[in-house]
Every structure is written in structure tokens, then in C-alpha cells.
N, C-alpha and C. Protein backbone atom coordinates (compact mmCIF):
# COMPACT_ATOMS: atom_id res chain seq x y z
N MET A 1 0.83 -1.20 0.00
CA MET A 1 0.00 0.00 0.00
C MET A 1 0.87 1.26 0.00
N TYR A 2 1.90 1.24 0.82
CA TYR A 2 2.82 2.39 0.89
C TYR A 2 3.49 2.62 -0.47
N ASP A 3 3.90 1.54 -1.11
CA ASP A 3 4.57 1.67 -2.41
C ASP A 3 3.64 2.19 -3.50
N LEU A 4 2.33 1.99 -3.32
CA LEU A 4 1.37 2.48 -4.31
C LEU A 4 1.00 3.95 -4.08
N LEU A 5 0.95 4.35 -2.80
CA LEU A 5 0.53 5.72 -2.49
C LEU A 5 1.60 6.76 -2.80
N GLN A 6 2.87 6.43 -2.53
CA GLN A 6 3.94 7.40 -2.72
C GLN A 6 4.04 7.89 -4.17
N PRO A 7 4.01 7.02 -5.18
CA PRO A 7 4.04 7.53 -6.57
C PRO A 7 2.84 8.40 -6.91
N LYS A 8 1.65 8.08 -6.36
CA LYS A 8 0.46 8.91 -6.63
C LYS A 8 0.62 10.30 -6.03
N ILE A 9 1.17 10.35 -4.80
CA ILE A 9 1.37 11.65 -4.16
C ILE A 9 2.38 12.48 -4.94
N ASP A 10 3.44 11.85 -5.39
CA ASP A 10 4.44 12.57 -6.18
C ASP A 10 3.86 13.09 -7.48
N SER A 11 2.99 12.30 -8.09
CA SER A 11 2.39 12.74 -9.36
C SER A 11 1.45 13.92 -9.15
N ILE A 12 0.83 14.02 -7.97
CA ILE A 12 -0.08 15.14 -7.70
C ILE A 12 0.69 16.43 -7.45
N PHE A 13 1.73 16.35 -6.65
CA PHE A 13 2.47 17.56 -6.26
C PHE A 13 3.53 17.99 -7.27
N ASN A 14 4.04 17.04 -8.02
CA ASN A 14 5.21 17.35 -8.85
C ASN A 14 4.98 17.18 -10.33
N SER A 15 3.74 17.17 -10.78
CA SER A 15 3.46 17.10 -12.21
C SER A 15 2.61 18.30 -12.63
N ASN A 16 2.78 18.71 -13.84
CA ASN A 16 2.03 19.84 -14.37
C ASN A 16 0.72 19.32 -14.95
N PRO A 17 -0.44 19.69 -14.37
CA PRO A 17 -1.72 19.16 -14.86
C PRO A 17 -2.03 19.57 -16.29
N ALA A 18 -1.47 20.68 -16.73
CA ALA A 18 -1.75 21.14 -18.09
C ALA A 18 -1.02 20.31 -19.12
N THR A 19 0.25 20.04 -18.86
CA THR A 19 1.05 19.28 -19.83
C THR A 19 1.16 17.80 -19.47
N GLY A 20 0.91 17.46 -18.21
CA GLY A 20 1.04 16.07 -17.78
C GLY A 20 2.47 15.63 -17.60
N LYS A 21 3.41 16.58 -17.58
CA LYS A 21 4.83 16.26 -17.42
C LYS A 21 5.30 16.64 -16.03
N TRP A 22 6.44 16.06 -15.64
CA TRP A 22 7.03 16.38 -14.34
C TRP A 22 7.62 17.79 -14.38
N VAL A 23 7.51 18.49 -13.25
CA VAL A 23 8.09 19.83 -13.14
C VAL A 23 9.60 19.70 -12.94
N ASP A 24 10.30 20.80 -13.07
CA ASP A 24 11.76 20.78 -12.87
C ASP A 24 12.10 20.36 -11.44
N LYS A 25 13.28 19.79 -11.28
CA LYS A 25 13.69 19.30 -9.96
C LYS A 25 13.74 20.43 -8.93
N GLU A 26 14.10 21.64 -9.37
CA GLU A 26 14.19 22.75 -8.44
C GLU A 26 12.82 23.15 -7.90
N GLU A 27 11.76 22.87 -8.62
CA GLU A 27 10.42 23.30 -8.22
C GLU A 27 9.59 22.17 -7.58
N ARG A 28 10.18 21.00 -7.46
CA ARG A 28 9.42 19.86 -6.92
C ARG A 28 9.28 19.93 -5.41
N TYR A 29 8.15 19.39 -4.91
CA TYR A 29 7.92 19.27 -3.48
C TYR A 29 8.33 17.86 -3.03
N GLU A 30 8.89 17.80 -1.85
CA GLU A 30 9.27 16.50 -1.28
C GLU A 30 8.16 16.08 -0.30
N ALA A 31 7.23 15.30 -0.79
CA ALA A 31 6.09 14.85 0.02
C ALA A 31 6.32 13.43 0.50
N LYS A 32 6.16 13.22 1.80
CA LYS A 32 6.35 11.89 2.39
C LYS A 32 5.15 11.51 3.24
N ILE A 33 4.88 10.22 3.27
CA ILE A 33 3.78 9.71 4.08
C ILE A 33 4.29 9.43 5.49
N THR A 34 3.60 9.96 6.49
CA THR A 34 4.01 9.76 7.88
C THR A 34 2.79 9.35 8.71
N GLY A 35 3.04 9.06 9.95
CA GLY A 35 1.94 8.72 10.86
C GLY A 35 1.96 7.27 11.29
N ASN A 36 1.01 6.93 12.13
CA ASN A 36 0.93 5.57 12.67
C ASN A 36 0.64 4.53 11.60
N SER A 37 -0.09 4.92 10.57
CA SER A 37 -0.43 3.96 9.51
C SER A 37 0.81 3.48 8.78
N VAL A 38 1.78 4.38 8.58
CA VAL A 38 3.02 4.00 7.90
C VAL A 38 3.83 3.04 8.77
N VAL A 39 3.90 3.35 10.05
CA VAL A 39 4.62 2.47 10.99
C VAL A 39 3.98 1.09 11.02
N PHE A 40 2.64 1.06 11.06
CA PHE A 40 1.93 -0.22 11.10
C PHE A 40 2.15 -1.01 9.81
N THR A 41 2.07 -0.32 8.66
CA THR A 41 2.23 -1.01 7.38
C THR A 41 3.63 -1.60 7.22
N LYS A 42 4.64 -0.80 7.55
CA LYS A 42 6.02 -1.30 7.43
C LYS A 42 6.29 -2.42 8.43
N GLY A 43 5.73 -2.27 9.65
CA GLY A 43 5.90 -3.33 10.64
C GLY A 43 5.23 -4.62 10.22
N ASN A 44 4.06 -4.51 9.60
CA ASN A 44 3.35 -5.69 9.14
C ASN A 44 4.11 -6.37 8.00
N ASP A 45 4.66 -5.57 7.08
CA ASP A 45 5.47 -6.14 5.99
C ASP A 45 6.70 -6.85 6.54
N TYR A 46 7.30 -6.28 7.57
CA TYR A 46 8.47 -6.89 8.19
C TYR A 46 8.11 -8.22 8.84
N LEU A 47 6.94 -8.27 9.50
CA LEU A 47 6.51 -9.51 10.13
C LEU A 47 6.22 -10.59 9.09
N LEU A 48 5.59 -10.21 7.99
CA LEU A 48 5.30 -11.18 6.94
C LEU A 48 6.57 -11.74 6.33
N GLN A 49 7.55 -10.87 6.12
CA GLN A 49 8.83 -11.32 5.57
C GLN A 49 9.50 -12.30 6.53
N ASN A 50 9.48 -11.98 7.81
CA ASN A 50 10.09 -12.87 8.80
C ASN A 50 9.31 -14.17 8.96
N LEU A 51 7.98 -14.12 8.75
CA LEU A 51 7.18 -15.34 8.80
C LEU A 51 7.62 -16.31 7.72
N VAL A 52 7.81 -15.80 6.50
CA VAL A 52 8.27 -16.65 5.40
C VAL A 52 9.66 -17.19 5.69
N GLU A 53 10.55 -16.33 6.15
CA GLU A 53 11.92 -16.76 6.42
C GLU A 53 11.99 -17.81 7.53
N SER A 54 11.23 -17.59 8.61
CA SER A 54 11.26 -18.55 9.72
C SER A 54 10.65 -19.88 9.32
N THR A 55 9.60 -19.85 8.49
CA THR A 55 8.98 -21.10 8.04
C THR A 55 9.94 -21.89 7.14
N LEU A 56 10.58 -21.20 6.21
CA LEU A 56 11.55 -21.87 5.34
C LEU A 56 12.73 -22.41 6.13
N LEU A 57 13.18 -21.65 7.14
CA LEU A 57 14.29 -22.11 7.97
C LEU A 57 13.89 -23.36 8.76
N ALA A 58 12.66 -23.35 9.29
CA ALA A 58 12.19 -24.52 10.04
C ALA A 58 12.10 -25.74 9.14
N ILE A 59 11.59 -25.56 7.92
CA ILE A 59 11.51 -26.67 6.98
C ILE A 59 12.90 -27.21 6.65
N GLY A 60 13.85 -26.30 6.46
CA GLY A 60 15.21 -26.73 6.16
C GLY A 60 15.84 -27.51 7.32
N LEU A 61 15.64 -27.04 8.53
CA LEU A 61 16.21 -27.72 9.70
C LEU A 61 15.58 -29.10 9.90
N ILE A 62 14.27 -29.17 9.74
CA ILE A 62 13.59 -30.46 9.90
C ILE A 62 14.01 -31.43 8.80
N SER A 63 14.18 -30.92 7.59
CA SER A 63 14.63 -31.77 6.50
C SER A 63 16.02 -32.32 6.77
N ALA A 64 16.90 -31.46 7.27
CA ALA A 64 18.25 -31.92 7.61
C ALA A 64 18.21 -32.96 8.72
N LEU A 65 17.33 -32.76 9.69
CA LEU A 65 17.20 -33.72 10.79
C LEU A 65 16.69 -35.07 10.28
N MET A 66 15.76 -35.03 9.34
CA MET A 66 15.24 -36.28 8.78
C MET A 66 16.31 -37.05 8.01
N VAL A 67 17.16 -36.31 7.30
CA VAL A 67 18.25 -36.96 6.58
C VAL A 67 19.22 -37.63 7.55
N VAL A 68 19.51 -36.95 8.66
CA VAL A 68 20.42 -37.51 9.66
C VAL A 68 19.81 -38.75 10.32
N LEU A 69 18.52 -38.69 10.64
CA LEU A 69 17.88 -39.79 11.34
C LEU A 69 17.64 -41.00 10.45
N PHE A 70 17.21 -40.76 9.21
CA PHE A 70 16.77 -41.85 8.35
C PHE A 70 17.65 -42.06 7.12
N GLY A 71 18.41 -41.05 6.72
CA GLY A 71 19.26 -41.19 5.55
C GLY A 71 18.50 -41.43 4.27
N ASN A 72 17.28 -40.91 4.16
CA ASN A 72 16.44 -41.15 2.99
C ASN A 72 15.74 -39.85 2.63
N TRP A 73 15.89 -39.40 1.39
CA TRP A 73 15.30 -38.13 0.99
C TRP A 73 13.77 -38.19 0.96
N ARG A 74 13.21 -39.40 0.79
CA ARG A 74 11.75 -39.51 0.78
C ARG A 74 11.16 -39.15 2.14
N MET A 75 11.92 -39.40 3.20
CA MET A 75 11.44 -39.08 4.53
C MET A 75 11.28 -37.58 4.73
N ILE A 76 11.98 -36.79 3.93
CA ILE A 76 11.82 -35.34 4.04
C ILE A 76 10.39 -34.94 3.67
N LEU A 77 9.90 -35.46 2.53
CA LEU A 77 8.52 -35.17 2.12
C LEU A 77 7.51 -35.72 3.12
N ILE A 78 7.78 -36.93 3.60
CA ILE A 78 6.85 -37.56 4.54
C ILE A 78 6.78 -36.77 5.84
N ALA A 79 7.90 -36.17 6.25
CA ALA A 79 7.93 -35.44 7.52
C ALA A 79 7.38 -34.02 7.38
N VAL A 80 7.63 -33.38 6.24
CA VAL A 80 7.28 -31.97 6.09
C VAL A 80 5.82 -31.77 5.69
N ILE A 81 5.32 -32.60 4.79
CA ILE A 81 3.96 -32.39 4.27
C ILE A 81 2.89 -32.45 5.38
N PRO A 82 2.89 -33.45 6.27
CA PRO A 82 1.87 -33.45 7.34
C PRO A 82 1.95 -32.24 8.24
N SER A 83 3.11 -31.60 8.34
CA SER A 83 3.24 -30.40 9.17
C SER A 83 2.79 -29.15 8.44
N LEU A 84 2.84 -29.17 7.11
CA LEU A 84 2.42 -28.01 6.33
C LEU A 84 0.92 -27.99 6.06
N VAL A 85 0.30 -29.16 6.05
CA VAL A 85 -1.15 -29.23 5.79
C VAL A 85 -1.95 -28.41 6.81
N PRO A 86 -1.68 -28.53 8.12
CA PRO A 86 -2.44 -27.70 9.08
C PRO A 86 -2.25 -26.21 8.86
N LEU A 87 -1.05 -25.80 8.45
CA LEU A 87 -0.81 -24.38 8.20
C LEU A 87 -1.62 -23.89 7.00
N ALA A 88 -1.70 -24.71 5.95
CA ALA A 88 -2.47 -24.34 4.77
C ALA A 88 -3.96 -24.23 5.10
N ILE A 89 -4.45 -25.17 5.90
CA ILE A 89 -5.87 -25.13 6.28
C ILE A 89 -6.16 -23.92 7.16
N THR A 90 -5.25 -23.62 8.09
CA THR A 90 -5.42 -22.45 8.95
C THR A 90 -5.41 -21.16 8.14
N ALA A 91 -4.51 -21.07 7.17
CA ALA A 91 -4.47 -19.89 6.30
C ALA A 91 -5.78 -19.75 5.53
N GLY A 92 -6.34 -20.87 5.09
CA GLY A 92 -7.64 -20.83 4.41
C GLY A 92 -8.75 -20.37 5.32
N ILE A 93 -8.73 -20.83 6.57
CA ILE A 93 -9.74 -20.40 7.55
C ILE A 93 -9.63 -18.90 7.81
N MET A 94 -8.40 -18.41 7.93
CA MET A 94 -8.20 -16.98 8.16
C MET A 94 -8.72 -16.16 6.99
N GLY A 95 -8.45 -16.64 5.76
CA GLY A 95 -8.95 -15.91 4.60
C GLY A 95 -10.46 -15.94 4.51
N PHE A 96 -11.07 -17.10 4.82
CA PHE A 96 -12.52 -17.22 4.75
C PHE A 96 -13.21 -16.37 5.82
N ALA A 97 -12.61 -16.33 7.03
CA ALA A 97 -13.20 -15.57 8.13
C ALA A 97 -12.80 -14.11 8.12
N GLY A 98 -11.93 -13.72 7.20
CA GLY A 98 -11.53 -12.33 7.13
C GLY A 98 -10.59 -11.90 8.24
N ILE A 99 -9.80 -12.84 8.75
CA ILE A 99 -8.83 -12.53 9.81
C ILE A 99 -7.51 -12.13 9.14
N HIS A 100 -7.07 -10.92 9.42
CA HIS A 100 -5.87 -10.39 8.76
C HIS A 100 -4.61 -10.81 9.51
N LEU A 101 -3.50 -10.83 8.76
CA LEU A 101 -2.21 -11.10 9.38
C LEU A 101 -1.74 -9.86 10.12
N LYS A 102 -1.44 -10.00 11.39
CA LYS A 102 -0.94 -8.92 12.23
C LYS A 102 -0.03 -9.54 13.30
N PRO A 103 0.60 -8.73 14.14
CA PRO A 103 1.55 -9.30 15.10
C PRO A 103 1.02 -10.46 15.92
N SER A 104 -0.25 -10.44 16.30
CA SER A 104 -0.80 -11.51 17.14
C SER A 104 -1.07 -12.78 16.34
N THR A 105 -1.59 -12.64 15.13
CA THR A 105 -1.94 -13.82 14.34
C THR A 105 -0.76 -14.39 13.56
N THR A 106 0.28 -13.58 13.34
CA THR A 106 1.45 -14.09 12.64
C THR A 106 2.14 -15.19 13.44
N LEU A 107 2.04 -15.12 14.76
CA LEU A 107 2.68 -16.12 15.62
C LEU A 107 2.08 -17.51 15.45
N ILE A 108 0.87 -17.57 14.92
CA ILE A 108 0.16 -18.86 14.82
C ILE A 108 0.98 -19.87 14.03
N PHE A 109 1.52 -19.46 12.90
CA PHE A 109 2.19 -20.39 12.01
C PHE A 109 3.47 -20.95 12.61
N SER A 110 4.25 -20.09 13.28
CA SER A 110 5.48 -20.57 13.89
C SER A 110 5.20 -21.54 15.03
N ILE A 111 4.24 -21.19 15.88
CA ILE A 111 3.90 -22.06 17.02
C ILE A 111 3.34 -23.38 16.53
N ALA A 112 2.37 -23.31 15.62
CA ALA A 112 1.70 -24.53 15.15
C ALA A 112 2.66 -25.43 14.38
N PHE A 113 3.51 -24.85 13.55
CA PHE A 113 4.44 -25.66 12.77
C PHE A 113 5.44 -26.36 13.69
N GLY A 114 5.90 -25.66 14.71
CA GLY A 114 6.83 -26.27 15.65
C GLY A 114 6.22 -27.42 16.40
N LEU A 115 5.00 -27.25 16.90
CA LEU A 115 4.34 -28.31 17.66
C LEU A 115 3.96 -29.48 16.76
N SER A 116 3.50 -29.19 15.56
CA SER A 116 3.14 -30.26 14.63
C SER A 116 4.37 -31.06 14.20
N SER A 117 5.47 -30.36 13.94
CA SER A 117 6.71 -31.04 13.57
C SER A 117 7.24 -31.90 14.71
N ASP A 118 7.04 -31.44 15.94
CA ASP A 118 7.45 -32.23 17.10
C ASP A 118 6.73 -33.57 17.13
N GLY A 119 5.42 -33.55 16.87
CA GLY A 119 4.67 -34.80 16.81
C GLY A 119 5.11 -35.69 15.67
N THR A 120 5.44 -35.07 14.53
CA THR A 120 5.90 -35.85 13.38
C THR A 120 7.21 -36.57 13.68
N ILE A 121 8.16 -35.86 14.27
CA ILE A 121 9.45 -36.46 14.60
C ILE A 121 9.27 -37.55 15.66
N TYR A 122 8.40 -37.31 16.62
CA TYR A 122 8.12 -38.29 17.66
C TYR A 122 7.57 -39.58 17.04
N PHE A 123 6.65 -39.42 16.10
CA PHE A 123 6.03 -40.58 15.43
C PHE A 123 7.07 -41.33 14.61
N LEU A 124 7.85 -40.61 13.81
CA LEU A 124 8.82 -41.26 12.93
C LEU A 124 9.96 -41.93 13.71
N THR A 125 10.32 -41.35 14.84
CA THR A 125 11.37 -41.96 15.66
C THR A 125 10.91 -43.30 16.22
N LYS A 126 9.67 -43.35 16.69
CA LYS A 126 9.11 -44.61 17.17
C LYS A 126 8.96 -45.61 16.03
N TYR A 127 8.56 -45.13 14.86
CA TYR A 127 8.43 -46.00 13.69
C TYR A 127 9.79 -46.60 13.32
N LYS A 128 10.82 -45.79 13.36
CA LYS A 128 12.17 -46.28 13.03
C LYS A 128 12.58 -47.37 14.00
N ASP A 129 12.28 -47.18 15.28
CA ASP A 129 12.63 -48.19 16.29
C ASP A 129 11.89 -49.50 16.04
N GLU A 130 10.61 -49.41 15.69
CA GLU A 130 9.82 -50.61 15.44
C GLU A 130 10.24 -51.31 14.15
N PHE A 131 10.58 -50.54 13.13
CA PHE A 131 10.88 -51.12 11.82
C PHE A 131 12.30 -51.68 11.74
N ARG A 132 13.27 -50.93 12.20
CA ARG A 132 14.66 -51.35 12.05
C ARG A 132 15.16 -52.19 13.22
N ASN A 133 14.89 -51.75 14.43
CA ASN A 133 15.46 -52.43 15.59
C ASN A 133 14.71 -53.69 15.98
N LYS A 134 13.40 -53.72 15.72
CA LYS A 134 12.60 -54.87 16.12
C LYS A 134 12.22 -55.76 14.95
N GLY A 135 12.66 -55.40 13.76
CA GLY A 135 12.49 -56.26 12.59
C GLY A 135 11.06 -56.46 12.14
N ARG A 136 10.20 -55.49 12.35
CA ARG A 136 8.80 -55.62 11.91
C ARG A 136 8.66 -55.16 10.46
N THR A 137 7.57 -55.56 9.84
CA THR A 137 7.25 -55.05 8.51
C THR A 137 6.77 -53.61 8.64
N VAL A 138 6.65 -52.94 7.50
CA VAL A 138 6.21 -51.54 7.53
C VAL A 138 4.82 -51.42 8.13
N ALA A 139 3.91 -52.30 7.70
CA ALA A 139 2.54 -52.25 8.22
C ALA A 139 2.51 -52.51 9.72
N GLU A 140 3.28 -53.50 10.18
CA GLU A 140 3.32 -53.80 11.60
C GLU A 140 3.95 -52.66 12.40
N ALA A 141 5.01 -52.06 11.84
CA ALA A 141 5.67 -50.95 12.53
C ALA A 141 4.74 -49.74 12.64
N VAL A 142 3.99 -49.46 11.57
CA VAL A 142 3.04 -48.34 11.60
C VAL A 142 1.94 -48.61 12.61
N SER A 143 1.42 -49.84 12.64
CA SER A 143 0.36 -50.21 13.57
C SER A 143 0.83 -50.07 15.02
N GLN A 144 2.02 -50.58 15.31
CA GLN A 144 2.56 -50.48 16.66
C GLN A 144 2.83 -49.04 17.06
N THR A 145 3.29 -48.25 16.12
CA THR A 145 3.57 -46.84 16.41
C THR A 145 2.30 -46.09 16.74
N ILE A 146 1.24 -46.37 16.00
CA ILE A 146 -0.04 -45.70 16.28
C ILE A 146 -0.58 -46.12 17.64
N GLN A 147 -0.44 -47.40 17.98
CA GLN A 147 -0.96 -47.89 19.26
C GLN A 147 -0.23 -47.27 20.45
N PHE A 148 1.08 -47.13 20.34
CA PHE A 148 1.85 -46.64 21.48
C PHE A 148 2.03 -45.11 21.45
N THR A 149 2.47 -44.61 20.30
CA THR A 149 2.75 -43.18 20.19
C THR A 149 1.50 -42.36 19.91
N GLY A 150 0.57 -42.94 19.14
CA GLY A 150 -0.63 -42.20 18.77
C GLY A 150 -1.45 -41.77 19.96
N ILE A 151 -1.51 -42.59 20.99
CA ILE A 151 -2.30 -42.26 22.18
C ILE A 151 -1.70 -41.05 22.89
N SER A 152 -0.38 -41.06 23.06
CA SER A 152 0.27 -39.93 23.73
C SER A 152 0.15 -38.66 22.90
N MET A 153 0.23 -38.79 21.57
CA MET A 153 0.07 -37.62 20.71
C MET A 153 -1.34 -37.06 20.81
N PHE A 154 -2.32 -37.94 20.94
CA PHE A 154 -3.71 -37.49 21.07
C PHE A 154 -3.91 -36.71 22.36
N TYR A 155 -3.43 -37.26 23.46
CA TYR A 155 -3.60 -36.58 24.76
C TYR A 155 -2.82 -35.27 24.80
N THR A 156 -1.64 -35.27 24.20
CA THR A 156 -0.85 -34.03 24.16
C THR A 156 -1.57 -32.95 23.37
N ALA A 157 -2.17 -33.33 22.23
CA ALA A 157 -2.90 -32.36 21.41
C ALA A 157 -4.11 -31.81 22.17
N ILE A 158 -4.81 -32.67 22.91
CA ILE A 158 -5.98 -32.22 23.67
C ILE A 158 -5.56 -31.25 24.76
N ILE A 159 -4.47 -31.56 25.46
CA ILE A 159 -3.99 -30.66 26.52
C ILE A 159 -3.59 -29.30 25.94
N LEU A 160 -2.86 -29.32 24.83
CA LEU A 160 -2.47 -28.07 24.19
C LEU A 160 -3.68 -27.31 23.66
N PHE A 161 -4.66 -28.04 23.14
CA PHE A 161 -5.89 -27.41 22.65
C PHE A 161 -6.58 -26.65 23.77
N ILE A 162 -6.72 -27.29 24.92
CA ILE A 162 -7.37 -26.65 26.05
C ILE A 162 -6.54 -25.45 26.54
N GLY A 163 -5.22 -25.63 26.55
CA GLY A 163 -4.35 -24.55 27.01
C GLY A 163 -4.46 -23.30 26.15
N PHE A 164 -4.45 -23.46 24.83
CA PHE A 164 -4.56 -22.31 23.95
C PHE A 164 -6.00 -21.80 23.87
N ALA A 165 -6.97 -22.67 24.11
CA ALA A 165 -8.37 -22.24 24.07
C ALA A 165 -8.69 -21.26 25.20
N ILE A 166 -7.89 -21.28 26.25
CA ILE A 166 -8.10 -20.34 27.36
C ILE A 166 -7.92 -18.90 26.89
N PHE A 167 -7.13 -18.72 25.83
CA PHE A 167 -6.91 -17.36 25.31
C PHE A 167 -8.20 -16.73 24.80
N THR A 168 -9.21 -17.54 24.51
CA THR A 168 -10.47 -16.98 24.02
C THR A 168 -11.20 -16.17 25.08
N ALA A 169 -10.81 -16.31 26.33
CA ALA A 169 -11.43 -15.53 27.41
C ALA A 169 -10.88 -14.11 27.47
N SER A 170 -9.87 -13.81 26.66
CA SER A 170 -9.26 -12.48 26.67
C SER A 170 -10.20 -11.45 26.06
N THR A 171 -10.04 -10.21 26.48
CA THR A 171 -10.83 -9.11 25.91
C THR A 171 -10.15 -8.51 24.68
N PHE A 172 -8.93 -8.93 24.39
CA PHE A 172 -8.19 -8.44 23.22
C PHE A 172 -8.46 -9.38 22.05
N LYS A 173 -8.98 -8.85 20.96
CA LYS A 173 -9.39 -9.68 19.82
C LYS A 173 -8.22 -10.44 19.20
N GLY A 174 -7.05 -9.83 19.19
CA GLY A 174 -5.89 -10.52 18.63
C GLY A 174 -5.54 -11.77 19.41
N THR A 175 -5.63 -11.69 20.74
CA THR A 175 -5.35 -12.86 21.57
C THR A 175 -6.42 -13.93 21.39
N VAL A 176 -7.67 -13.51 21.23
CA VAL A 176 -8.76 -14.46 20.99
C VAL A 176 -8.54 -15.21 19.68
N ALA A 177 -8.18 -14.47 18.62
CA ALA A 177 -7.92 -15.10 17.32
C ALA A 177 -6.73 -16.05 17.42
N LEU A 178 -5.71 -15.64 18.16
CA LEU A 178 -4.54 -16.50 18.35
C LEU A 178 -4.93 -17.80 19.02
N GLY A 179 -5.71 -17.73 20.08
CA GLY A 179 -6.12 -18.93 20.80
C GLY A 179 -6.96 -19.87 19.95
N ILE A 180 -7.93 -19.31 19.24
CA ILE A 180 -8.82 -20.14 18.42
C ILE A 180 -8.05 -20.82 17.29
N LEU A 181 -7.25 -20.05 16.55
CA LEU A 181 -6.57 -20.59 15.38
C LEU A 181 -5.48 -21.58 15.75
N VAL A 182 -4.72 -21.30 16.82
CA VAL A 182 -3.69 -22.26 17.24
C VAL A 182 -4.34 -23.56 17.70
N SER A 183 -5.45 -23.45 18.44
CA SER A 183 -6.15 -24.66 18.91
C SER A 183 -6.63 -25.51 17.73
N ILE A 184 -7.22 -24.86 16.74
CA ILE A 184 -7.69 -25.58 15.56
C ILE A 184 -6.52 -26.21 14.80
N THR A 185 -5.45 -25.44 14.65
CA THR A 185 -4.28 -25.94 13.92
C THR A 185 -3.67 -27.15 14.61
N LEU A 186 -3.63 -27.13 15.94
CA LEU A 186 -3.05 -28.26 16.69
C LEU A 186 -3.88 -29.53 16.49
N LEU A 187 -5.19 -29.40 16.49
CA LEU A 187 -6.04 -30.57 16.26
C LEU A 187 -5.86 -31.10 14.84
N ILE A 188 -5.80 -30.20 13.87
CA ILE A 188 -5.59 -30.62 12.49
C ILE A 188 -4.21 -31.27 12.35
N GLY A 189 -3.20 -30.71 13.03
CA GLY A 189 -1.88 -31.30 12.99
C GLY A 189 -1.84 -32.69 13.59
N MET A 190 -2.58 -32.89 14.67
CA MET A 190 -2.64 -34.22 15.29
C MET A 190 -3.30 -35.23 14.34
N LEU A 191 -4.40 -34.84 13.70
CA LEU A 191 -5.06 -35.72 12.74
C LEU A 191 -4.16 -35.98 11.53
N SER A 192 -3.44 -34.96 11.10
CA SER A 192 -2.53 -35.12 9.97
C SER A 192 -1.42 -36.12 10.28
N ASN A 193 -0.88 -36.04 11.49
CA ASN A 193 0.20 -36.95 11.89
C ASN A 193 -0.30 -38.38 12.10
N LEU A 194 -1.55 -38.53 12.48
CA LEU A 194 -2.08 -39.87 12.74
C LEU A 194 -2.77 -40.50 11.52
N ILE A 195 -3.05 -39.69 10.51
CA ILE A 195 -3.73 -40.22 9.31
C ILE A 195 -2.82 -40.11 8.07
N LEU A 196 -2.37 -38.89 7.76
CA LEU A 196 -1.54 -38.72 6.57
C LEU A 196 -0.17 -39.37 6.71
N LEU A 197 0.44 -39.21 7.87
CA LEU A 197 1.79 -39.74 8.06
C LEU A 197 1.85 -41.26 7.90
N PRO A 198 0.98 -42.04 8.57
CA PRO A 198 0.99 -43.49 8.32
C PRO A 198 0.66 -43.84 6.87
N ALA A 199 -0.26 -43.08 6.26
CA ALA A 199 -0.61 -43.35 4.86
C ALA A 199 0.59 -43.13 3.94
N PHE A 200 1.37 -42.09 4.19
CA PHE A 200 2.56 -41.84 3.39
C PHE A 200 3.60 -42.94 3.57
N LEU A 201 3.75 -43.42 4.80
CA LEU A 201 4.73 -44.49 5.05
C LEU A 201 4.34 -45.77 4.31
N LEU A 202 3.06 -46.11 4.36
CA LEU A 202 2.60 -47.31 3.65
C LEU A 202 2.70 -47.12 2.14
N TRP A 203 2.40 -45.92 1.67
CA TRP A 203 2.48 -45.64 0.23
C TRP A 203 3.93 -45.74 -0.25
N MET A 204 4.86 -45.20 0.53
CA MET A 204 6.25 -45.26 0.14
C MET A 204 6.74 -46.70 0.09
N ASN A 205 6.29 -47.53 1.03
CA ASN A 205 6.68 -48.93 1.04
C ASN A 205 6.18 -49.66 -0.21
N LYS A 206 4.96 -49.36 -0.65
CA LYS A 206 4.43 -49.98 -1.86
C LYS A 206 5.22 -49.54 -3.08
N LYS A 207 5.63 -48.27 -3.11
CA LYS A 207 6.41 -47.79 -4.25
C LYS A 207 7.77 -48.49 -4.32
N LEU A 208 8.37 -48.74 -3.16
CA LEU A 208 9.67 -49.39 -3.13
C LEU A 208 9.58 -50.86 -3.52
N GLU A 209 8.42 -51.48 -3.26
CA GLU A 209 8.24 -52.90 -3.58
C GLU A 209 7.97 -53.11 -5.05
N GLN A 210 7.50 -52.07 -5.75
CA GLN A 210 7.15 -52.23 -7.18
C GLN A 210 8.40 -52.28 -8.05
């Protein structure tokens, strides 16, 4: 918005309406946009830029961790996609509900991605133990992982959901939006890790067998 307004202001003050040309440099006015709106706009742009950078950095770190743990590039996709799905759904909910990105709601993506990735790594670590160390098949390892790890992931998601849902009691709308969206994202992340993640593991095994 700032980048669009400044050229329009310059064209009003520094152009000749009769000829439509710019006036001489000596006769031009130096008009600048000031006020709280400019500070808010630039601050919001800075937050959005850092949101993208932090998300890409988190994806890179998790991908590197998956390579170290499993030594397989396919595990990168399996680990990252279930963590990105909740973020995409949350972004869609924000767009549908008309919730704008601002300092309070920008935090949603970093918090949710971190917690969702934590569950993904927890699930895959248990799967690795069942598959490699105990000599089970992929289907058996996935089943055992869901039985043992899935329960703890479910209870953890419920506890976190209730914890962030308390923010809805706040009188500040930004905090209310933060609580609602993070709670929803955590539940979607839990379902993604318990449904998409096992499905990807089984799908990858079928591809390797073909």
C-alpha cells in the first residue's frame, strides 16, 4: 500500500496538470507519508517477511534432521507435508473468516508448525525403532507406532488445545484469534500426523516394492 501511495502523491504535487509532465527538480515538493499507519504497514510487511523466512528455515532444519535420522530423501517429504497441511488449512480459515495477518496472528504459524513437527518427529522416531530395531514389517511398525505413540500424541494435542483455548477468554481480539486458530491448527496437525503420516509411510513402502 505504501509503495502504491507514494508515486500517486508525487504525481499530484510534482506534475504539471496542463502538460502532464514532471516539473523541474528545483520546483518539486518532497512529500512523504508519515503517521501511525506507515509504521503499522512497514511493521506488518516486516513480520510477513520474517514469517516466510522462519517457516523456510524450520523446513530446512527439519529436512536436515530427517536426513540424519533416516538417511532417505523420501522421509523429508513424509515429515514436512503433514506439518504443512495444518498451516495451509489455517491460512484458508483466516482468509474465509476475514482474519488479517498482524503481530498476534502471525505467531500462529510458527507455534503450530513447531508443535506439529514435534509430533511428526516423535512418530517417525518410534516407527524407526519398530521397523529397524525390532524387525517388523512396515505395516506392523506403523500399527505399533499408532498404538503406542498415537495415544500420547492425542492426549498431548488435547492438553495443548485446552491450554490455547483459554486465550479466548481475553478481551483483546488478537489474543482471541490467536487462541482459536492455534487450537484448531493443533487438532488438524494431530489428525494429519495420525492419518496422513501413516498413509505416506505405507504408500512409500508400496512404491519401493514395485
